[in-house]
Amino acid sequence: WFISETDKQRILKVVFIRTESQIIIKTAYDPNAEELRIYRKYA
C-alpha cells in the first residue's frame, strides 16, 4: 500500500496486489492517523 494525494488534494491510502504481469488496485480510502504515521516514517 501507499498513501498519495489526488488532483483535488484528497489524501488516500491505496491498497494493491502486484502479480508477475499486472498491478491490481484492491481498495482506496482515507488513511487513519496510524497509517499516515507509518507511511511518513518509512516511505
C-alpha atoms as a PDB file:
ATOM      1  CA  TRP A   1       0.000   0.000   0.000  1.00  0.00           C
ATOM      2  CA  PHE A   2       0.897   3.623  -0.359  1.00  0.00           C
ATOM      3  CA  ILE A   3      -0.584   6.995   0.515  1.00  0.00           C
ATOM      4  CA  SER A   4      -0.964   9.721  -2.065  1.00  0.00           C
ATOM      5  CA  GLU A   5      -2.815  12.934  -2.757  1.00  0.00           C
ATOM      6  CA  THR A   6      -5.391  13.191  -5.551  1.00  0.00           C
ATOM      7  CA  ASP A   7      -5.668  16.041  -8.046  1.00  0.00           C
ATOM      8  CA  LYS A   8      -8.258  17.569  -5.704  1.00  0.00           C
ATOM      9  CA  GLN A   9      -5.910  17.364  -2.673  1.00  0.00           C
ATOM     10  CA  ARG A  10      -7.677  14.400  -1.050  1.00  0.00           C
ATOM     11  CA  ILE A  11      -5.267  12.044   0.745  1.00  0.00           C
ATOM     12  CA  LEU A  12      -5.944   8.340   0.085  1.00  0.00           C
ATOM     13  CA  LYS A  13      -4.431   5.041   1.151  1.00  0.00           C
ATOM     14  CA  VAL A  14      -4.258   2.806  -1.930  1.00  0.00           C
ATOM     15  CA  VAL A  15      -4.020  -0.956  -1.422  1.00  0.00           C
ATOM     16  CA  PHE A  16      -2.806  -3.053  -4.359  1.00  0.00           C
ATOM     17  CA  ILE A  17      -1.626  -6.531  -5.318  1.00  0.00           C
ATOM     18  CA  ARG A  18       1.284  -6.961  -7.710  1.00  0.00           C
ATOM     19  CA  THR A  19       1.427 -10.129  -9.825  1.00  0.00           C
ATOM     20  CA  GLU A  20       4.005 -11.074 -12.427  1.00  0.00           C
ATOM     21  CA  SER A  21       2.100  -9.266 -15.160  1.00  0.00           C
ATOM     22  CA  GLN A  22      -0.212  -6.724 -13.504  1.00  0.00           C
ATOM     23  CA  ILE A  23      -0.924  -4.397 -10.648  1.00  0.00           C
ATOM     24  CA  ILE A  24      -4.451  -4.718  -9.256  1.00  0.00           C
ATOM     25  CA  ILE A  25      -5.904  -1.935  -7.103  1.00  0.00           C
ATOM     26  CA  LYS A  26      -7.977  -3.568  -4.363  1.00  0.00           C
ATOM     27  CA  THR A  27      -9.267  -0.508  -2.493  1.00  0.00           C
ATOM     28  CA  ALA A  28      -8.608   3.144  -1.718  1.00  0.00           C
ATOM     29  CA  TYR A  29      -9.798   5.051   1.347  1.00  0.00           C
ATOM     30  CA  ASP A  30      -8.944   7.828   3.789  1.00  0.00           C
ATOM     31  CA  PRO A  31      -5.963   6.746   5.905  1.00  0.00           C
ATOM     32  CA  ASN A  32      -6.157   6.849   9.683  1.00  0.00           C
ATOM     33  CA  ALA A  33      -3.576   8.639  11.836  1.00  0.00           C
ATOM     34  CA  GLU A  34      -1.518   5.485  12.449  1.00  0.00           C
ATOM     35  CA  GLU A  35      -1.303   4.656   8.740  1.00  0.00           C
ATOM     36  CA  LEU A  36      -0.171   8.214   7.996  1.00  0.00           C
ATOM     37  CA  ARG A  37       2.469   7.994  10.733  1.00  0.00           C
ATOM     38  CA  ILE A  38       3.824   4.695   9.377  1.00  0.00           C
ATOM     39  CA  TYR A  39       3.910   5.934   5.790  1.00  0.00           C
ATOM     40  CA  ARG A  40       5.623   9.191   6.681  1.00  0.00           C
ATOM     41  CA  LYS A  41       8.239   7.352   8.739  1.00  0.00           C
ATOM     42  CA  TYR A  42       9.101   4.549   6.285  1.00  0.00           C
ATOM     43  CA  ALA A  43       8.160   5.757   2.788  1.00  0.00           C
END
